PDB file of N, CA and C in Angstrom:
ATOM      1  N   MET A   1       0.851  -1.166   0.000  1.00  0.00           N
ATOM      2  CA  MET A   1       0.000   0.000   0.000  1.00  0.00           C
ATOM      3  C   MET A   1       0.902   1.235   0.000  1.00  0.00           C
ATOM      4  N   THR A   2       0.591   2.181  -0.848  1.00  0.00           N
ATOM      5  CA  THR A   2       1.418   3.379  -0.955  1.00  0.00           C
ATOM      6  C   THR A   2       1.100   4.364   0.155  1.00  0.00           C
ATOM      7  N   SER A   3       2.034   5.236   0.440  1.00  0.00           N
ATOM      8  CA  SER A   3       1.863   6.284   1.448  1.00  0.00           C
ATOM      9  C   SER A   3       1.976   7.639   0.761  1.00  0.00           C
ATOM     10  N   ILE A   4       1.093   8.558   1.151  1.00  0.00           N
ATOM     11  CA  ILE A   4       1.153   9.918   0.607  1.00  0.00           C
ATOM     12  C   ILE A   4       0.992  10.918   1.744  1.00  0.00           C
ATOM     13  N   SER A   5       1.521  12.114   1.531  1.00  0.00           N
ATOM     14  CA  SER A   5       1.405  13.162   2.543  1.00  0.00           C
ATOM     15  C   SER A   5       0.050  13.862   2.412  1.00  0.00           C
ATOM     16  N   VAL A   6      -0.343  14.530   3.467  1.00  0.00           N
ATOM     17  CA  VAL A   6      -1.593  15.295   3.450  1.00  0.00           C
ATOM     18  C   VAL A   6      -1.525  16.375   2.372  1.00  0.00           C
ATOM     19  N   ARG A   7      -0.364  16.987   2.227  1.00  0.00           N
ATOM     20  CA  ARG A   7      -0.194  18.035   1.211  1.00  0.00           C
ATOM     21  C   ARG A   7      -0.394  17.463  -0.190  1.00  0.00           C
ATOM     22  N   GLU A   8       0.233  16.321  -0.463  1.00  0.00           N
ATOM     23  CA  GLU A   8       0.093  15.666  -1.765  1.00  0.00           C
ATOM     24  C   GLU A   8      -1.380  15.312  -2.018  1.00  0.00           C
ATOM     25  N   PHE A   9      -2.044  14.792  -0.987  1.00  0.00           N
ATOM     26  CA  PHE A   9      -3.451  14.416  -1.127  1.00  0.00           C
ATOM     27  C   PHE A   9      -4.323  15.637  -1.408  1.00  0.00           C
ATOM     28  N   SER A  10      -4.080  16.726  -0.677  1.00  0.00           N
ATOM     29  CA  SER A  10      -4.916  17.915  -0.866  1.00  0.00           C
ATOM     30  C   SER A  10      -4.697  18.562  -2.230  1.00  0.00           C
ATOM     31  N   HIS A  11      -3.472  18.494  -2.747  1.00  0.00           N
ATOM     32  CA  HIS A  11      -3.189  19.102  -4.045  1.00  0.00           C
ATOM     33  C   HIS A  11      -3.662  18.245  -5.219  1.00  0.00           C
ATOM     34  N   HIS A  12      -3.781  16.944  -5.019  1.00  0.00           N
ATOM     35  CA  HIS A  12      -4.165  16.033  -6.096  1.00  0.00           C
ATOM     36  C   HIS A  12      -5.306  15.117  -5.655  1.00  0.00           C
ATOM     37  N   MET A  13      -6.283  15.682  -4.949  1.00  0.00           N
ATOM     38  CA  MET A  13      -7.367  14.897  -4.374  1.00  0.00           C
ATOM     39  C   MET A  13      -8.145  14.120  -5.434  1.00  0.00           C
ATOM     40  N   ALA A  14      -8.455  14.740  -6.558  1.00  0.00           N
ATOM     41  CA  ALA A  14      -9.231  14.069  -7.604  1.00  0.00           C
ATOM     42  C   ALA A  14      -8.521  12.809  -8.097  1.00  0.00           C
ATOM     43  N   LYS A  15      -7.220  12.896  -8.249  1.00  0.00           N
ATOM     44  CA  LYS A  15      -6.426  11.753  -8.709  1.00  0.00           C
ATOM     45  C   LYS A  15      -6.526  10.593  -7.707  1.00  0.00           C
ATOM     46  N   TYR A  16      -6.411  10.909  -6.421  1.00  0.00           N
ATOM     47  CA  TYR A  16      -6.454   9.851  -5.403  1.00  0.00           C
ATOM     48  C   TYR A  16      -7.867   9.309  -5.192  1.00  0.00           C
ATOM     49  N   LEU A  17      -8.878  10.139  -5.382  1.00  0.00           N
ATOM     50  CA  LEU A  17     -10.251   9.640  -5.290  1.00  0.00           C
ATOM     51  C   LEU A  17     -10.554   8.677  -6.440  1.00  0.00           C
ATOM     52  N   LYS A  18      -9.988   8.953  -7.621  1.00  0.00           N
ATOM     53  CA  LYS A  18     -10.149   8.029  -8.753  1.00  0.00           C
ATOM     54  C   LYS A  18      -9.483   6.696  -8.443  1.00  0.00           C
ATOM     55  N   LYS A  19      -8.319   6.757  -7.783  1.00  0.00           N
ATOM     56  CA  LYS A  19      -7.634   5.518  -7.400  1.00  0.00           C
ATOM     57  C   LYS A  19      -8.466   4.729  -6.388  1.00  0.00           C
ATOM     58  N   LEU A  20      -9.091   5.435  -5.444  1.00  0.00           N
ATOM     59  CA  LEU A  20      -9.962   4.756  -4.479  1.00  0.00           C
ATOM     60  C   LEU A  20     -11.132   4.079  -5.183  1.00  0.00           C
ATOM     61  N   ARG A  21     -11.736   4.781  -6.132  1.00  0.00           N
ATOM     62  CA  ARG A  21     -12.862   4.192  -6.880  1.00  0.00           C
ATOM     63  C   ARG A  21     -12.427   2.975  -7.671  1.00  0.00           C
ATOM     64  N   ALA A  22     -11.168   2.948  -8.085  1.00  0.00           N
ATOM     65  CA  ALA A  22     -10.639   1.817  -8.848  1.00  0.00           C
ATOM     66  C   ALA A  22     -10.249   0.648  -7.940  1.00  0.00           C
ATOM     67  N   GLY A  23     -10.319   0.862  -6.625  1.00  0.00           N
ATOM     68  CA  GLY A  23     -10.033  -0.225  -5.694  1.00  0.00           C
ATOM     69  C   GLY A  23      -8.676  -0.147  -5.022  1.00  0.00           C
ATOM     70  N   GLU A  24      -7.923   0.912  -5.276  1.00  0.00           N
ATOM     71  CA  GLU A  24      -6.612   1.070  -4.641  1.00  0.00           C
ATOM     72  C   GLU A  24      -6.747   1.804  -3.321  1.00  0.00           C
ATOM     73  N   GLY A  25      -5.959   1.415  -2.352  1.00  0.00           N
ATOM     74  CA  GLY A  25      -5.935   2.090  -1.066  1.00  0.00           C
ATOM     75  C   GLY A  25      -4.591   2.740  -0.834  1.00  0.00           C
ATOM     76  N   PHE A  26      -4.501   3.602   0.175  1.00  0.00           N
ATOM     77  CA  PHE A  26      -3.228   4.235   0.508  1.00  0.00           C
ATOM     78  C   PHE A  26      -3.260   4.695   1.955  1.00  0.00           C
ATOM     79  N   ILE A  27      -2.073   4.988   2.465  1.00  0.00           N
ATOM     80  CA  ILE A  27      -1.922   5.478   3.825  1.00  0.00           C
ATOM     81  C   ILE A  27      -1.654   6.972   3.756  1.00  0.00           C
ATOM     82  N   LEU A  28      -2.391   7.740   4.534  1.00  0.00           N
ATOM     83  CA  LEU A  28      -2.245   9.185   4.579  1.00  0.00           C
ATOM     84  C   LEU A  28      -1.323   9.540   5.742  1.00  0.00           C
ATOM     85  N   LYS A  29      -0.292  10.354   5.455  1.00  0.00           N
ATOM     86  CA  LYS A  29       0.687  10.713   6.480  1.00  0.00           C
ATOM     87  C   LYS A  29       0.689  12.219   6.711  1.00  0.00           C
ATOM     88  N   TYR A  30       0.871  12.597   7.981  1.00  0.00           N
ATOM     89  CA  TYR A  30       1.036  13.995   8.357  1.00  0.00           C
ATOM     90  C   TYR A  30       2.381  14.110   9.055  1.00  0.00           C
ATOM     91  N   ARG A  31       3.272  14.893   8.475  1.00  0.00           N
ATOM     92  CA  ARG A  31       4.644  15.035   8.974  1.00  0.00           C
ATOM     93  C   ARG A  31       5.321  13.682   9.145  1.00  0.00           C
ATOM     94  N   ASN A  32       5.153  12.872   8.134  1.00  0.00           N
ATOM     95  CA  ASN A  32       5.770  11.543   8.035  1.00  0.00           C
ATOM     96  C   ASN A  32       5.237  10.548   9.060  1.00  0.00           C
ATOM     97  N   GLU A  33       4.108  10.861   9.692  1.00  0.00           N
ATOM     98  CA  GLU A  33       3.484   9.952  10.654  1.00  0.00           C
ATOM     99  C   GLU A  33       2.149   9.476  10.079  1.00  0.00           C
ATOM    100  N   PRO A  34       1.921   8.172   9.974  1.00  0.00           N
ATOM    101  CA  PRO A  34       0.649   7.672   9.443  1.00  0.00           C
ATOM    102  C   PRO A  34      -0.521   8.100  10.327  1.00  0.00           C
ATOM    103  N   ILE A  35      -1.537   8.700   9.707  1.00  0.00           N
ATOM    104  CA  ILE A  35      -2.703   9.145  10.474  1.00  0.00           C
ATOM    105  C   ILE A  35      -3.996   8.480  10.014  1.00  0.00           C
ATOM    106  N   ALA A  36      -4.024   7.953   8.791  1.00  0.00           N
ATOM    107  CA  ALA A  36      -5.247   7.327   8.294  1.00  0.00           C
ATOM    108  C   ALA A  36      -4.912   6.327   7.196  1.00  0.00           C
ATOM    109  N   GLN A  37      -5.746   5.309   7.122  1.00  0.00           N
ATOM    110  CA  GLN A  37      -5.637   4.348   6.031  1.00  0.00           C
ATOM    111  C   GLN A  37      -6.876   4.534   5.175  1.00  0.00           C
ATOM    112  N   MET A  38      -6.676   4.962   3.957  1.00  0.00           N
ATOM    113  CA  MET A  38      -7.787   5.209   3.042  1.00  0.00           C
ATOM    114  C   MET A  38      -7.975   3.967   2.179  1.00  0.00           C
ATOM    115  N   MET A  39      -9.206   3.449   2.164  1.00  0.00           N
ATOM    116  CA  MET A  39      -9.504   2.296   1.327  1.00  0.00           C
ATOM    117  C   MET A  39     -10.964   2.377   0.903  1.00  0.00           C
ATOM    118  N   PRO A  40     -11.284   1.806  -0.255  1.00  0.00           N
ATOM    119  CA  PRO A  40     -12.668   1.833  -0.721  1.00  0.00           C
ATOM    120  C   PRO A  40     -13.583   1.123   0.277  1.00  0.00           C
ATOM    121  N   THR A  41     -14.802   1.618   0.451  1.00  0.00           N
ATOM    122  CA  THR A  41     -15.709   1.060   1.447  1.00  0.00           C
ATOM    123  C   THR A  41     -16.078  -0.380   1.143  1.00  0.00           C
ATOM    124  N   HIS A  42     -16.231  -0.742  -0.123  1.00  0.00           N
ATOM    125  CA  HIS A  42     -16.617  -2.116  -0.431  1.00  0.00           C
ATOM    126  C   HIS A  42     -15.489  -3.096  -0.113  1.00  0.00           C
ATOM    127  N   LEU A  43     -14.239  -2.633  -0.082  1.00  0.00           N
ATOM    128  CA  LEU A  43     -13.133  -3.503   0.311  1.00  0.00           C
ATOM    129  C   LEU A  43     -13.048  -3.622   1.831  1.00  0.00           C
ATOM    130  N   ALA A  44     -13.425  -2.564   2.534  1.00  0.00           N
ATOM    131  CA  ALA A  44     -13.360  -2.579   4.001  1.00  0.00           C
ATOM    132  C   ALA A  44     -14.356  -3.572   4.589  1.00  0.00           C
ATOM    133  N   SER A  45     -15.509  -3.727   3.958  1.00  0.00           N
ATOM    134  CA  SER A  45     -16.538  -4.613   4.497  1.00  0.00           C
ATOM    135  C   SER A  45     -16.400  -6.043   3.990  1.00  0.00           C
ATOM    136  N   GLY A  46     -15.486  -6.281   3.055  1.00  0.00           N
ATOM    137  CA  GLY A  46     -15.307  -7.621   2.511  1.00  0.00           C
ATOM    138  C   GLY A  46     -16.297  -7.938   1.401  1.00  0.00           C
ATOM    139  N   SER A  47     -17.103  -6.974   1.015  1.00  0.00           N
ATOM    140  CA  SER A  47     -18.102  -7.163  -0.034  1.00  0.00           C
ATOM    141  C   SER A  47     -17.594  -6.558  -1.338  1.00  0.00           C
ATOM    142  N   THR A  48     -18.101  -7.043  -2.451  1.00  0.00           N
ATOM    143  CA  THR A  48     -17.727  -6.468  -3.740  1.00  0.00           C
ATOM    144  C   THR A  48     -18.671  -5.350  -4.145  1.00  0.00           C
ATOM    145  N   VAL A  49     -19.724  -5.127  -3.364  1.00  0.00           N
ATOM    146  CA  VAL A  49     -20.705  -4.084  -3.652  1.00  0.00           C
ATOM    147  C   VAL A  49     -20.409  -2.877  -2.755  1.00  0.00           C
ATOM    148  N   PRO A  50     -20.359  -1.654  -3.315  1.00  0.00           N
ATOM    149  CA  PRO A  50     -20.120  -0.475  -2.484  1.00  0.00           C
ATOM    150  C   PRO A  50     -21.192  -0.332  -1.396  1.00  0.00           C
ATOM    151  N   GLY A  51     -20.813   0.290  -0.280  1.00  0.00           N
ATOM    152  CA  GLY A  51     -21.715   0.435   0.853  1.00  0.00           C
ATOM    153  C   GLY A  51     -23.028   1.120   0.520  1.00  0.00           C
ATOM    154  N   TRP A  52     -22.984   2.110  -0.347  1.00  0.00           N
ATOM    155  CA  TRP A  52     -24.206   2.842  -0.658  1.00  0.00           C
ATOM    156  C   TRP A  52     -25.149   2.055  -1.559  1.00  0.00           C
ATOM    157  N   ARG A  53     -24.693   0.920  -2.097  1.00  0.00           N
ATOM    158  CA  ARG A  53     -25.554   0.089  -2.934  1.00  0.00           C
ATOM    159  C   ARG A  53     -26.068  -1.160  -2.219  1.00  0.00           C
ATOM    160  N   ARG A  54     -25.535  -1.458  -1.022  1.00  0.00           N
ATOM    161  CA  ARG A  54     -25.968  -2.645  -0.300  1.00  0.00           C
ATOM    162  C   ARG A  54     -27.339  -2.409   0.312  1.00  0.00           C
ATOM    163  N   PRO A  55     -28.175  -3.441   0.344  1.00  0.00           N
ATOM    164  CA  PRO A  55     -29.494  -3.279   0.966  1.00  0.00           C
ATOM    165  C   PRO A  55     -29.361  -3.134   2.483  1.00  0.00           C
ATOM    166  N   ILE A  56     -30.283  -2.415   3.067  1.00  0.00           N
ATOM    167  CA  ILE A  56     -30.294  -2.216   4.517  1.00  0.00           C
ATOM    168  C   ILE A  56     -31.022  -3.382   5.164  1.00  0.00           C
ATOM    169  N   LYS A  57     -30.397  -3.967   6.171  1.00  0.00           N
ATOM    170  CA  LYS A  57     -31.033  -5.061   6.898  1.00  0.00           C
ATOM    171  C   LYS A  57     -31.917  -4.472   7.986  1.00  0.00           C
ATOM    172  N   ARG A  58     -33.161  -4.854   7.992  1.00  0.00           N
ATOM    173  CA  ARG A  58     -34.107  -4.361   8.989  1.00  0.00           C
ATOM    174  C   ARG A  58     -33.855  -5.031  10.332  1.00  0.00           C
ATOM    175  N   ILE A  59     -34.049  -4.285  11.401  1.00  0.00           N
ATOM    176  CA  ILE A  59     -33.895  -4.829  12.739  1.00  0.00           C
ATOM    177  C   ILE A  59     -35.226  -5.422  13.165  1.00  0.00           C
ATOM    178  N   LYS A  60     -35.188  -6.665  13.610  1.00  0.00           N
ATOM    179  CA  LYS A  60     -36.396  -7.322  14.075  1.00  0.00           C
ATOM    180  C   LYS A  60     -36.431  -7.258  15.596  1.00  0.00           C
ATOM    181  N   ILE A  61     -37.547  -6.795  16.125  1.00  0.00           N
ATOM    182  CA  ILE A  61     -37.704  -6.656  17.567  1.00  0.00           C
ATOM    183  C   ILE A  61     -38.562  -7.797  18.083  1.00  0.00           C
ATOM    184  N   LYS A  62     -38.068  -8.450  19.129  1.00  0.00           N
ATOM    185  CA  LYS A  62     -38.845  -9.506  19.759  1.00  0.00           C
ATOM    186  C   LYS A  62     -39.593  -8.892  20.928  1.00  0.00           C
ATOM    187  N   GLY A  63     -40.849  -9.239  21.060  1.00  0.00           N
ATOM    188  CA  GLY A  63     -41.652  -8.672  22.147  1.00  0.00           C
ATOM    189  C   GLY A  63     -42.291  -7.374  21.713  1.00  0.00           C
ATOM    190  N   GLU A  64     -42.565  -6.508  22.696  1.00  0.00           N
ATOM    191  CA  GLU A  64     -43.246  -5.259  22.354  1.00  0.00           C
ATOM    192  C   GLU A  64     -42.263  -4.218  21.852  1.00  0.00           C
ATOM    193  N   SER A  65     -42.760  -3.292  21.042  1.00  0.00           N
ATOM    194  CA  SER A  65     -41.903  -2.255  20.469  1.00  0.00           C
ATOM    195  C   SER A  65     -41.579  -1.213  21.529  1.00  0.00           C
ATOM    196  N   ALA A  66     -40.618  -0.365  21.220  1.00  0.00           N
ATOM    197  CA  ALA A  66     -40.209   0.678  22.159  1.00  0.00           C
ATOM    198  C   ALA A  66     -41.358   1.631  22.449  1.00  0.00           C
ATOM    199  N   SER A  67     -42.115   1.993  21.429  1.00  0.00           N
ATOM    200  CA  SER A  67     -43.236   2.914  21.652  1.00  0.00           C
ATOM    201  C   SER A  67     -44.302   2.278  22.544  1.00  0.00           C
ATOM    202  N   GLN A  68     -44.560   0.985  22.350  1.00  0.00           N
ATOM    203  CA  GLN A  68     -45.531   0.301  23.206  1.00  0.00           C
ATOM    204  C   GLN A  68     -45.027   0.228  24.644  1.00  0.00           C
ATOM    205  N   THR A  69     -43.748   0.030  24.833  1.00  0.00           N
ATOM    206  CA  THR A  69     -43.160  -0.018  26.176  1.00  0.00           C
ATOM    207  C   THR A  69     -43.310   1.331  26.871  1.00  0.00           C
ATOM    208  N   ILE A  70     -43.053   2.427  26.160  1.00  0.00           N
ATOM    209  CA  ILE A  70     -43.171   3.773  26.735  1.00  0.00           C
ATOM    210  C   ILE A  70     -44.612   4.052  27.133  1.00  0.00           C
ATOM    211  N   ILE A  71     -45.549   3.712  26.262  1.00  0.00           N
ATOM    212  CA  ILE A  71     -46.976   3.932  26.567  1.00  0.00           C
ATOM    213  C   ILE A  71     -47.363   3.135  27.802  1.00  0.00           C
ATOM    214  N   ARG A  72     -46.944   1.871  27.874  1.00  0.00           N
ATOM    215  CA  ARG A  72     -47.286   1.027  29.019  1.00  0.00           C
ATOM    216  C   ARG A  72     -46.682   1.588  30.300  1.00  0.00           C
ATOM    217  N   MET A  73     -45.430   2.037  30.247  1.00  0.00           N
ATOM    218  CA  MET A  73     -44.780   2.584  31.431  1.00  0.00           C
ATOM    219  C   MET A  73     -45.449   3.867  31.894  1.00  0.00           C
ATOM    220  N   ARG A  74     -45.884   4.714  30.982  1.00  0.00           N
ATOM    221  CA  ARG A  74     -46.585   5.947  31.341  1.00  0.00           C
ATOM    222  C   ARG A  74     -47.942   5.638  31.985  1.00  0.00           C
ATOM    223  N   GLN A  75     -48.610   4.624  31.460  1.00  0.00           N
ATOM    224  CA  GLN A  75     -49.900   4.240  32.035  1.00  0.00           C
ATOM    225  C   GLN A  75     -49.703   3.694  33.450  1.00  0.00           C
ATOM    226  N   GLU A  76     -48.618   2.956  33.670  1.00  0.00           N
ATOM    227  CA  GLU A  76     -48.333   2.423  34.999  1.00  0.00           C
ATOM    228  C   GLU A  76     -47.999   3.536  35.980  1.00  0.00           C
ATOM    229  N   GLU A  77     -47.322   4.599  35.516  1.00  0.00           N
ATOM    230  CA  GLU A  77     -46.994   5.736  36.374  1.00  0.00           C
ATOM    231  C   GLU A  77     -48.247   6.492  36.797  1.00  0.00           C
ATOM    232  N   ASP A  78     -49.227   6.607  35.884  1.00  0.00           N
ATOM    233  CA  ASP A  78     -50.462   7.328  36.178  1.00  0.00           C
ATOM    234  C   ASP A  78     -51.339   6.561  37.153  1.00  0.00           C
ATOM    235  N   SER A  79     -51.211   5.255  37.214  1.00  0.00           N
ATOM    236  CA  SER A  79     -52.072   4.435  38.079  1.00  0.00           C
ATOM    237  C   SER A  79     -51.675   4.515  39.518  1.00  0.00           C
TER     238      SER A  79
END
């Protein structure tokens, strides 16, 4: 993985964003110290599909919903 300085990245951001879209990653350095690892999101998750294209998994709640719990608790407080 290549390393680039913050200055190099800021001056040639479009070039490095194209590299990210192509699947290349790099390490961002500030004063020769690594501060971030830049990599495409679809590579970070282990999927070949970019994060913004993956379907959202719905959360399934067992038992009563949060709103039903709040209503029940408020009714118990009033009693």
